[in-house]
Protein backbone atom coordinates (compact mmCIF):
# COMPACT_ATOMS: atom_id res chain seq x y z
CA MET A 1 122.68 89.97 74.30
CA PHE A 2 124.10 93.17 72.79
CA GLU A 3 125.85 94.18 75.99
CA LEU A 4 127.41 90.69 76.26
CA ASN A 5 128.82 91.11 72.75
CA ASP A 6 130.12 94.59 73.63
CA LEU A 7 131.98 93.27 76.68
CA LEU A 8 133.35 90.37 74.66
CA LEU A 9 134.58 92.84 72.05
CA LEU A 10 136.47 94.81 74.70
CA LEU A 11 138.17 91.68 75.97
CA ARG A 12 139.09 90.45 72.50
CA SER A 13 140.46 93.86 71.54
CA SER A 14 143.12 93.57 74.26
CA GLN A 15 141.64 96.22 76.52
CA PRO A 16 143.80 96.00 79.67
CA VAL A 17 141.52 97.88 82.12
CA ILE A 18 137.71 97.94 82.17
CA SER A 19 135.60 99.79 84.73
CA ILE A 20 131.98 98.87 85.45
CA GLN A 21 130.02 101.19 87.72
CA THR A 22 126.94 99.34 88.88
CA HIS A 23 124.98 98.11 91.87
CA GLU A 24 124.39 94.77 90.08
CA GLU A 25 127.71 93.20 91.02
CA GLN A 26 126.70 89.59 90.56
CA ARG A 27 125.12 90.25 87.16
CA ALA A 28 128.38 91.86 85.99
CA VAL A 29 130.48 88.96 87.26
CA ASP A 30 128.19 86.43 85.57
CA MET A 31 128.60 88.27 82.25
CA ILE A 32 132.39 88.27 82.61
CA ARG A 33 132.41 84.53 83.31
CA ARG A 34 130.31 83.90 80.18
CA CYS A 35 132.77 85.96 78.12
CA SER A 36 135.73 84.07 79.60
CA VAL A 37 134.48 80.84 78.02
CA GLU A 38 134.74 82.45 74.58
CA ILE A 39 138.28 83.81 75.04
CA GLY A 40 139.66 80.91 77.07
CA LYS A 41 140.95 82.79 80.11
CA PRO A 42 140.20 82.02 83.78
CA VAL A 43 138.31 84.56 85.89
CA LEU A 44 139.75 85.37 89.33
CA GLN A 45 137.81 87.58 91.70
CA TRP A 46 139.21 89.78 94.46
CA SER A 47 137.47 91.35 97.44
CA ILE A 48 138.91 92.71 100.66
CA THR A 49 137.04 90.06 102.68
CA ARG A 50 137.95 86.93 100.68
CA GLY A 51 141.10 87.86 98.82
CA LEU A 52 141.77 86.45 95.35
CA VAL A 53 139.54 83.47 94.56
CA ASP A 54 138.24 81.58 91.58
CA ALA A 55 135.08 83.42 90.41
CA GLY A 56 133.23 80.16 89.81
CA SER A 57 134.10 77.90 92.72
CA GLY A 58 135.17 80.50 95.27
CA ARG A 59 138.37 78.55 96.06
CA PRO A 60 141.52 80.56 96.88
CA ALA A 61 143.70 81.37 93.90
CA MET A 62 146.77 80.05 95.74
CA SER A 63 146.95 77.23 98.29
CA LEU A 64 147.14 78.37 101.90
CA LEU A 65 149.87 77.07 104.21
CA ASP A 66 148.39 75.27 107.22
CA LYS A 67 151.02 76.68 109.55
CA ASP A 68 150.16 80.32 108.82
CA VAL A 69 146.64 80.56 107.41
CA THR A 70 145.94 83.94 108.99
CA GLN A 71 149.04 85.55 107.57
CA ASN A 72 148.23 84.28 104.07
CA MET A 73 144.63 85.49 104.33
CA GLU A 74 145.87 88.94 105.27
CA ALA A 75 148.28 88.89 102.35
CA GLN A 76 145.53 87.82 99.97
CA SER A 77 143.23 90.64 101.16
CA ASP A 78 145.90 93.30 100.85
CA PRO A 79 145.33 95.18 97.56
CA LYS A 80 149.02 95.99 97.05
CA GLN A 81 150.14 92.38 97.45
CA THR A 82 147.28 91.20 95.23
CA LEU A 83 148.34 93.55 92.44
CA ALA A 84 151.95 92.43 92.87
CA GLN A 85 150.83 88.79 92.60
CA ILE A 86 148.87 89.58 89.40
CA ASN A 87 151.87 91.42 87.97
CA ASN A 88 154.17 88.47 88.64
CA SER A 89 151.78 85.91 87.16
CA ARG A 90 152.67 84.69 83.66
CA SER A 91 149.33 82.93 83.03
CA PRO A 92 146.89 85.26 81.21
CA GLY A 93 143.73 85.86 83.21
CA ILE A 94 140.75 88.11 83.84
CA TYR A 95 140.97 89.69 87.29
CA VAL A 96 137.72 91.11 88.67
CA LEU A 97 138.41 93.58 91.50
CA LEU A 98 135.30 94.26 93.61
CA ASP A 99 134.91 97.57 95.46
CA PHE A 100 138.49 98.54 94.72
CA HIS A 101 137.65 102.27 94.46
CA PRO A 102 139.04 103.27 97.93
CA HIS A 103 142.47 102.03 96.82
CA LEU A 104 142.55 104.00 93.57
CA ASP A 105 143.79 106.98 95.57
CA ASP A 106 146.90 105.04 96.60
CA ALA A 107 149.95 105.97 94.53
CA PHE A 108 151.46 102.46 94.79
CA CYS A 109 148.23 100.80 93.58
CA VAL A 110 147.81 103.24 90.71
CA ARG A 111 151.41 102.70 89.58
CA MET A 112 151.09 98.92 89.82
CA ILE A 113 147.85 98.93 87.77
CA LYS A 114 149.58 101.07 85.15
CA GLU A 115 152.50 98.64 84.91
CA ILE A 116 150.14 95.66 84.52
CA ALA A 117 148.25 97.54 81.77
CA GLN A 118 151.46 98.48 79.96
CA GLU A 119 152.57 94.85 79.95
CA HIS A 120 149.26 93.56 78.59
CA ARG A 121 150.80 92.35 75.32
CA ASN A 122 153.18 90.14 77.34
CA ASN A 123 151.07 89.05 80.30
CA GLY A 124 147.57 89.00 78.70
CA HIS A 125 145.92 90.23 81.92
CA HIS A 126 142.61 92.11 82.06
CA LEU A 127 141.78 94.13 85.17
CA ILE A 128 138.04 94.73 85.59
CA PHE A 129 136.94 97.07 88.37
CA ILE A 130 133.34 96.70 89.60
CA SER A 131 131.88 99.10 92.15
CA HIS A 132 128.85 101.28 92.82
CA GLU A 133 131.08 104.34 92.36
CA LEU A 134 134.25 104.53 90.29
CA THR A 135 136.56 107.41 89.49
CA ILE A 136 139.50 106.24 87.42
CA PRO A 137 142.69 108.28 88.03
CA ALA A 138 143.97 110.37 85.14
CA GLU A 139 147.12 108.26 84.92
CA LEU A 140 145.01 105.22 84.00
CA SER A 141 142.45 106.87 81.74
CA ARG A 142 144.18 105.96 78.46
CA PHE A 143 144.25 102.28 79.47
CA ASN A 144 140.66 102.19 80.74
CA ALA A 145 137.37 101.56 78.94
CA ARG A 146 134.11 102.20 80.77
CA PHE A 147 131.44 99.56 80.32
CA ASP A 148 127.85 100.24 81.37
CA LEU A 149 125.32 97.58 82.17
CA SER A 150 122.15 98.50 80.35
CA LEU A 151 118.95 98.97 82.28
CA PRO A 152 116.01 96.81 81.22
CA ASP A 153 113.66 98.42 78.70
CA ARG A 154 109.86 98.20 78.87
CA ASP A 155 109.74 94.90 76.98
CA ALA A 156 112.25 93.35 79.37
CA ILE A 157 110.39 94.68 82.40
CA ARG A 158 107.11 93.33 81.04
CA LYS A 159 108.74 89.90 80.72
CA LEU A 160 109.87 90.15 84.34
CA VAL A 161 106.30 90.95 85.42
CA ILE A 162 104.87 88.05 83.40
CA SER A 163 107.51 85.71 84.82
CA GLU A 164 106.70 86.69 88.41
CA LEU A 165 102.97 86.32 87.71
CA LYS A 166 103.57 82.76 86.48
CA VAL A 167 105.60 81.93 89.59
CA TRP A 168 102.79 83.27 91.79
CA LYS A 169 100.19 81.17 89.95
CA LEU A 170 102.29 78.01 90.39
CA ARG A 171 102.51 78.64 94.13
CA ASN A 172 98.86 79.66 94.51
CA ALA A 173 97.02 77.48 92.05
CA SER A 174 93.75 77.68 93.96
CA GLN A 175 93.67 81.49 94.15
CA LYS A 176 92.95 84.12 91.54
CA LEU A 177 95.28 87.07 91.11
CA GLU A 178 93.70 90.41 90.22
CA ALA A 179 95.70 92.12 87.52
CA ASP A 180 94.35 93.96 84.48
CA ARG A 181 96.35 95.11 81.46
CA LYS A 182 96.12 98.79 82.42
CA SER A 183 97.59 98.19 85.89
CA ILE A 184 100.38 96.07 84.42
CA ASP A 185 101.17 98.80 81.87
CA LEU A 186 101.36 101.40 84.65
CA LEU A 187 103.62 99.13 86.70
CA VAL A 188 105.94 98.61 83.71
CA ASN A 189 106.10 102.36 83.02
CA ASN A 190 107.01 103.15 86.62
CA LEU A 191 109.79 100.56 86.81
CA THR A 192 111.84 102.02 83.97
CA GLY A 193 115.20 103.33 85.12
CA LEU A 194 115.75 100.55 87.68
CA THR A 195 118.06 97.57 87.48
CA VAL A 196 116.86 94.01 86.89
CA SER A 197 117.22 93.02 90.53
CA GLU A 198 115.52 96.17 91.78
CA SER A 199 112.64 95.67 89.33
CA GLN A 200 112.21 92.05 90.36
CA ARG A 201 112.07 92.99 94.03
CA LEU A 202 109.44 95.71 93.51
CA ILE A 203 107.36 93.45 91.24
CA ARG A 204 107.32 90.74 93.91
CA ASN A 205 106.37 93.25 96.59
CA ALA A 206 103.51 94.52 94.43
CA ILE A 207 102.16 91.03 93.74
CA TYR A 208 102.59 89.34 97.10
CA ASP A 209 101.50 92.32 99.20
CA ASP A 210 97.81 91.91 98.32
CA ASP A 211 97.75 89.16 95.67
CA ALA A 212 97.02 91.78 93.00
CA ILE A 213 98.52 94.46 90.80
CA SER A 214 96.44 97.56 91.45
CA ARG A 215 96.63 101.35 91.48
CA CYS A 216 97.75 101.24 95.13
CA ASP A 217 100.75 99.16 94.08
CA ILE A 218 101.73 101.79 91.51
CA ASP A 219 101.84 104.47 94.22
CA ARG A 220 104.06 102.29 96.40
CA VAL A 221 106.33 101.45 93.48
CA GLN A 222 106.77 105.14 92.68
CA LYS A 223 107.80 105.90 96.25
CA ALA A 224 110.10 102.88 96.48
CA LYS A 225 111.72 103.76 93.16
CA TYR A 226 112.46 107.27 94.37
CA GLU A 227 113.97 105.90 97.57
CA LEU A 228 116.15 103.45 95.64
CA LEU A 229 117.49 106.17 93.39
CA GLY A 230 118.63 108.10 96.43
CA LYS A 231 116.89 111.24 97.61
CA ASP A 232 119.24 113.99 98.68
CA GLY A 233 117.00 117.02 99.13
CA VAL A 234 117.53 118.43 95.62
CA LEU A 235 114.29 116.85 94.38
CA SER A 236 111.40 116.01 96.65
CA PHE A 237 108.85 113.33 95.92
CA GLU A 238 105.29 114.60 96.34
CA TYR A 239 103.40 111.70 97.87
CA GLU A 240 99.97 113.30 97.66
CA THR A 241 98.91 114.21 94.12
CA ALA A 242 95.57 115.80 93.53
CA ASP A 243 92.84 114.78 91.13
CA PHE A 244 91.20 117.31 88.84
CA LYS A 245 88.03 116.85 90.90
CA GLN A 246 89.83 118.80 93.63
CA VAL A 247 90.56 121.69 91.28
CA GLY A 248 87.81 124.19 90.66
CA GLY A 249 87.59 125.77 87.20
CA LEU A 250 90.62 125.66 84.86
CA LYS A 251 88.50 124.19 82.08
CA SER A 252 90.83 125.26 79.28
CA LEU A 253 93.86 123.79 81.05
CA LYS A 254 92.04 120.54 81.79
CA SER A 255 90.97 120.20 78.15
CA TRP A 256 94.54 120.93 76.94
CA LEU A 257 95.99 118.24 79.21
CA GLU A 258 93.38 115.64 78.31
CA VAL A 259 94.18 116.04 74.60
CA ARG A 260 97.90 115.45 75.24
CA GLN A 261 97.71 112.74 77.89
CA ALA A 262 97.92 109.84 75.44
CA ALA A 263 100.86 111.40 73.60
CA PHE A 264 102.80 111.71 76.86
CA THR A 265 101.95 108.43 78.60
CA SER A 266 101.76 106.05 75.64
CA ASN A 267 104.63 103.64 75.11
CA LYS A 268 104.19 103.86 71.33
CA LYS A 269 105.53 107.19 70.19
CA ASP A 270 103.92 108.73 67.11
CA SER A 271 106.74 109.88 64.82
CA ARG A 272 104.56 112.73 63.59
CA LEU A 273 104.22 114.26 67.06
CA ASP A 274 106.70 115.62 69.56
CA ARG A 275 106.17 114.52 73.13
CA PRO A 276 104.60 117.28 75.28
CA ARG A 277 107.38 119.25 76.99
CA GLY A 278 105.59 121.27 79.64
CA ILE A 279 103.65 124.37 80.58
CA LEU A 280 104.11 127.57 82.51
CA LEU A 281 101.36 128.60 84.89
CA VAL A 282 101.27 132.30 85.64
CA GLY A 283 98.76 133.83 87.97
CA ILE A 284 97.77 135.49 91.16
CA GLN A 285 98.93 133.97 94.41
CA GLY A 286 96.45 131.48 95.82
CA SER A 287 94.70 130.95 92.49
CA GLY A 288 95.47 127.22 92.32
CA LYS A 289 98.68 126.95 90.30
CA SER A 290 100.35 124.52 92.69
CA LEU A 291 97.22 122.39 92.99
CA ALA A 292 97.00 122.23 89.20
CA ALA A 293 100.62 121.02 89.01
CA LYS A 294 99.80 118.20 91.43
CA ALA A 295 96.66 117.38 89.48
CA VAL A 296 98.59 116.81 86.25
CA ALA A 297 100.62 114.02 87.87
CA GLY A 298 97.57 112.56 89.58
CA VAL A 299 95.47 112.35 86.44
CA TRP A 300 98.30 111.02 84.29
CA HIS A 301 99.28 108.46 86.98
CA VAL A 302 102.96 109.41 87.00
CA PRO A 303 105.28 110.49 89.84
CA LEU A 304 105.43 114.16 90.81
CA LEU A 305 108.89 115.56 91.61
CA ARG A 306 109.28 119.04 93.01
CA LEU A 307 112.45 120.99 92.29
CA ASP A 308 113.35 123.31 95.14
CA PHE A 309 115.76 126.01 94.00
CA GLY A 310 116.67 126.73 97.60
CA THR A 311 118.40 123.34 97.88
CA LEU A 312 120.30 123.82 94.62
CA TYR A 313 122.36 126.83 95.64
CA ASN A 314 125.79 126.15 97.10
CA LYS A 315 128.49 128.59 98.13
CA PHE A 316 131.18 126.64 96.28
CA PHE A 317 131.81 127.49 92.64
CA ALA A 318 130.00 125.27 90.08
CA GLU A 319 128.34 123.15 92.81
CA THR A 320 124.95 124.80 92.13
CA GLU A 321 125.01 123.81 88.46
CA LYS A 322 126.16 120.30 89.45
CA ASN A 323 123.15 120.03 91.77
CA MET A 324 120.88 121.11 88.93
CA ARG A 325 122.33 118.50 86.57
CA HIS A 326 121.93 115.82 89.24
CA ALA A 327 118.29 116.81 89.78
CA LEU A 328 117.56 116.65 86.05
CA GLU A 329 119.27 113.27 85.74
CA LEU A 330 117.13 111.94 88.56
CA ALA A 331 114.00 113.27 86.82
CA GLU A 332 115.03 111.42 83.64
CA VAL A 333 115.49 108.15 85.54
CA MET A 334 112.11 108.64 87.26
CA SER A 335 110.41 109.24 83.91
CA PRO A 336 107.65 109.23 82.94
CA CYS A 337 107.07 111.93 85.52
CA VAL A 338 106.00 115.50 86.10
CA LEU A 339 108.73 117.90 87.20
CA TRP A 340 107.17 120.73 89.18
CA ILE A 341 109.29 123.89 89.40
CA ASP A 342 107.46 126.16 91.83
CA GLU A 343 108.03 129.92 91.68
CA ILE A 344 110.64 129.49 88.99
CA GLU A 345 111.32 133.22 88.74
CA LYS A 346 112.91 133.18 92.20
CA GLY A 347 115.51 130.65 91.13
CA ILE A 348 116.69 131.93 87.76
CA SER A 349 116.00 135.66 87.84
CA THR A 350 119.03 137.47 86.44
CA GLY A 351 119.76 140.36 88.75
CA ASP A 352 122.82 142.59 89.01
CA TYR A 353 124.07 140.99 92.24
CA ASP A 354 123.98 137.37 91.15
CA SER A 355 127.68 136.71 90.34
CA GLY A 356 126.55 134.77 87.29
CA THR A 357 125.11 131.79 89.17
CA SER A 358 121.56 132.27 87.88
CA GLN A 359 122.80 132.67 84.31
CA ARG A 360 124.75 129.42 84.53
CA LEU A 361 121.78 127.69 86.17
CA LEU A 362 119.52 128.95 83.41
CA ALA A 363 121.98 127.76 80.75
CA THR A 364 122.04 124.29 82.31
CA LEU A 365 118.24 124.12 82.36
CA LEU A 366 117.86 125.41 78.79
CA THR A 367 120.42 122.94 77.43
CA TRP A 368 118.64 120.06 79.14
CA MET A 369 115.23 121.20 77.85
CA ALA A 370 116.58 121.28 74.30
CA GLU A 371 118.32 117.89 74.44
CA ASN A 372 116.10 115.84 76.73
CA ASN A 373 114.17 113.04 74.99
CA LYS A 374 112.78 111.39 78.12
CA PRO A 375 109.11 111.73 79.11
CA VAL A 376 109.59 114.45 81.72
CA PHE A 377 106.75 116.99 81.69
CA ILE A 378 107.64 120.34 83.24
CA VAL A 379 105.02 122.31 85.14
CA ALA A 380 106.59 125.62 86.09
CA THR A 381 104.66 128.15 88.16
CA ALA A 382 105.39 131.85 88.46
CA ASN A 383 103.80 134.84 90.15
CA ASN A 384 105.76 137.44 88.20
CA ILE A 385 106.54 136.51 84.62
CA GLU A 386 108.38 139.78 84.02
CA ASP A 387 111.31 138.39 86.04
CA LEU A 388 111.71 135.43 83.68
CA PRO A 389 114.20 135.56 80.78
CA PRO A 390 112.60 135.44 77.29
CA GLU A 391 114.70 132.47 76.18
CA LEU A 392 112.95 130.30 78.78
CA ILE A 393 109.36 131.13 77.90
CA ARG A 394 109.58 131.21 74.11
CA LYS A 395 107.69 128.59 72.10
CA GLY A 396 109.65 125.39 71.78
CA ARG A 397 111.01 125.47 75.31
CA LEU A 398 107.55 125.01 76.83
CA ASP A 399 104.36 124.17 74.98
CA GLU A 400 102.08 126.85 76.42
CA ILE A 401 101.76 129.65 78.95
CA PHE A 402 98.52 129.62 80.93
CA PHE A 403 97.22 132.45 83.04
CA VAL A 404 95.33 131.37 86.15
CA ASP A 405 92.99 134.26 86.89
CA LEU A 406 90.70 134.83 89.86
CA PRO A 407 87.70 132.50 89.69
CA ASP A 408 84.35 133.73 88.39
CA GLU A 409 81.11 133.25 90.31
CA GLU A 410 80.37 129.78 88.94
CA VAL A 411 83.87 128.54 89.76
CA ARG A 412 83.75 130.10 93.23
CA LYS A 413 80.62 128.09 93.96
CA GLU A 414 82.44 124.96 92.80
CA ILE A 415 85.42 125.76 95.04
CA PHE A 416 83.14 126.27 98.08
CA GLN A 417 81.57 122.87 97.34
CA ILE A 418 84.99 121.16 97.04
CA HIS A 419 86.35 122.51 100.34
CA LEU A 420 83.15 121.88 102.26
CA GLN A 421 82.98 118.28 101.07
CA LYS A 422 86.67 117.81 101.74
CA ARG A 423 86.05 118.70 105.40
CA GLU A 424 82.83 116.65 105.55
CA ALA A 425 80.71 119.70 106.33
CA ASN A 426 76.95 119.45 105.95
CA THR A 427 75.98 121.62 102.96
CA GLY A 428 72.24 120.97 103.14
CA ASN A 429 71.50 124.25 104.93
CA LEU A 430 74.01 126.36 102.97
CA GLU A 431 73.29 128.61 99.99
CA LEU A 432 76.42 128.27 97.90
CA GLU A 433 75.10 130.65 95.24
CA GLN A 434 74.93 133.45 97.79
CA LEU A 435 78.44 132.66 99.10
CA ALA A 436 79.79 132.77 95.55
CA ALA A 437 78.05 136.08 94.90
CA LEU A 438 79.53 137.60 98.08
CA THR A 439 83.13 136.71 97.18
CA PRO A 440 84.08 138.56 93.95
CA GLY A 441 87.85 138.92 93.74
CA PHE A 442 88.50 136.02 96.14
CA SER A 443 91.10 133.45 95.13
CA GLY A 444 90.68 129.73 95.70
CA ALA A 445 93.00 129.85 98.70
CA GLU A 446 91.01 132.70 100.23
CA ILE A 447 87.74 130.81 99.75
CA GLU A 448 89.32 127.81 101.47
CA GLN A 449 90.25 130.00 104.45
CA VAL A 450 86.67 131.28 104.63
CA VAL A 451 85.49 127.69 105.01
CA VAL A 452 88.21 126.98 107.59
CA SER A 453 87.32 130.11 109.57
CA GLY A 454 83.65 129.19 109.54
CA LEU A 455 84.40 125.71 110.86
CA TYR A 456 86.52 127.18 113.67
CA HIS A 457 83.57 129.35 114.71
CA ALA A 458 81.24 126.36 114.55
CA LEU A 459 83.57 124.35 116.77
CA ALA A 460 83.97 127.18 119.27
CA ARG A 461 80.21 127.71 119.55
CA GLN A 462 79.45 123.99 119.58
CA GLU A 463 77.02 124.50 116.69
CA PRO A 464 76.72 123.14 113.14
CA LEU A 465 78.30 125.25 110.42
CA SER A 466 75.81 127.83 109.25
CA GLN A 467 75.43 130.34 106.43
CA ALA A 468 75.84 133.22 108.89
CA MET A 469 79.23 131.93 110.06
CA LEU A 470 80.56 131.78 106.49
CA VAL A 471 79.14 135.22 105.64
CA GLU A 472 80.82 136.63 108.76
CA ALA A 473 84.14 135.08 107.68
CA ILE A 474 83.72 136.61 104.22
CA GLU A 475 83.07 140.08 105.67
CA ASN A 476 86.19 139.84 107.81
CA THR A 477 88.43 138.95 104.85
CA ARG A 478 90.23 141.47 102.66
CA PRO A 479 91.27 139.54 99.54
CA LEU A 480 94.57 140.14 97.79
CA SER A 481 92.69 141.62 94.84
CA VAL A 482 91.72 144.51 97.13
CA VAL A 483 94.97 144.81 99.09
CA MET A 484 97.07 144.86 95.92
CA ALA A 485 94.42 145.98 93.42
CA GLU A 486 96.69 148.03 91.16
CA LYS A 487 99.35 145.32 90.77
CA ILE A 488 96.81 142.58 90.09
CA SER A 489 94.95 144.72 87.56
CA ARG A 490 98.18 145.30 85.65
CA LEU A 491 98.94 141.57 85.69
CA GLN A 492 95.46 140.70 84.40
CA ALA A 493 95.68 143.29 81.62
CA TRP A 494 99.11 142.00 80.60
CA ALA A 495 98.04 138.33 80.62
CA ARG A 496 94.88 138.78 78.51
CA GLU A 497 96.96 139.77 75.51
CA ARG A 498 99.90 137.39 75.92
CA THR A 499 98.74 134.11 77.47
CA VAL A 500 96.03 131.46 77.25
CA LEU A 501 93.41 131.74 79.97
CA ALA A 502 93.33 128.56 82.05
CA ASN A 503 89.79 129.15 83.30
């Protein structure tokens, strides 16, 4: 209702040119027709395929001559002749021009639009451009007002879900649809940022696919939403998100996230609390930082987007920062979501041979972090925190810095159990306590490779996996804590005084 009043205000205030950038063309036209009733002007609609027609009936705006129908159709479809016809008309009207953006580069068209706009007081014409992408030329900017169709909020999306559920029940009176309040809430949360028509289509797919609204539907909606918003390589959608059951240890981190889950995912924001912003995970390579990032999204039931700095950089000036802004905008539209920035120090380290690109990239990220009010939770991972600028890691930018250390004996046993079960290995004849005791200094990734190596030996020998095979794999492994002992010791000493231990 508010957007209808806003559009009506623009028309009543004698705005000669209005641009509407949207994929919901029909919705925009319907709104314009409703406004035309209030101001008493006809609505004529132009497209390159049909020419100038009445927006309601679809009849041509001018009668066609039987002897030369083709010629008249070509004249009607020609944008220059259409603008000339509008300019010559003395009857005030609202002219909706669909997908006119390719012709806004034509000097004749631009000049003709400007003349129509300048004569608005005399001719009473409104030109409304509707397209999925619109760039108004500078010559027309002072005559143009941009109007944005609002996206449905959570209440509107919930009404769409309820409406589709009622339609399903009318068509399937004898069947029972499985849908609980929690699943509906998750579906509503994951449809924010989409248009009405897109939301309706995904709701119908979720319901009619299996006659239910379930957790599986939420996963499919997340993927479909990402595809609709247009993936271009800057952000990647992580289809497989882990559960905390797949992450050994990290008790402090798990507890911290559980306390803040409701504050991040709840639709009702507590005015006394700021929404959680994000965390930085620092640690030794292979210690489980990336898996923890995936686990956050999995446990909170939100999409996981991965920002790859390698795809951001462009040789053309300012294109890298533009790519960053586009990625952050996409994250906002996908919200609530987790934005995973892996090895962040490699993307925004400020070296002497950077030509300023990293500094500008960092400035773009910091500005967004300060101004963003959407539920986008950042999980940044880093192997070397000393390469990160202090303005990024100070309190207020991110909520906490966690250090992911090498697992202790109890956690190593848990990690062995996780990876053995994951590969459906029989653990009945294995002594996990001994394996954990034999692997001090091993990271989670190195323990996983011990299990993989043992299974390879079992397959080669055509025997079940045994304790001896795993012990042999351990003895043949030199963990990173031994290969780079001095560097890792310095990192551990530094982190104990400056970070929160995740384990």
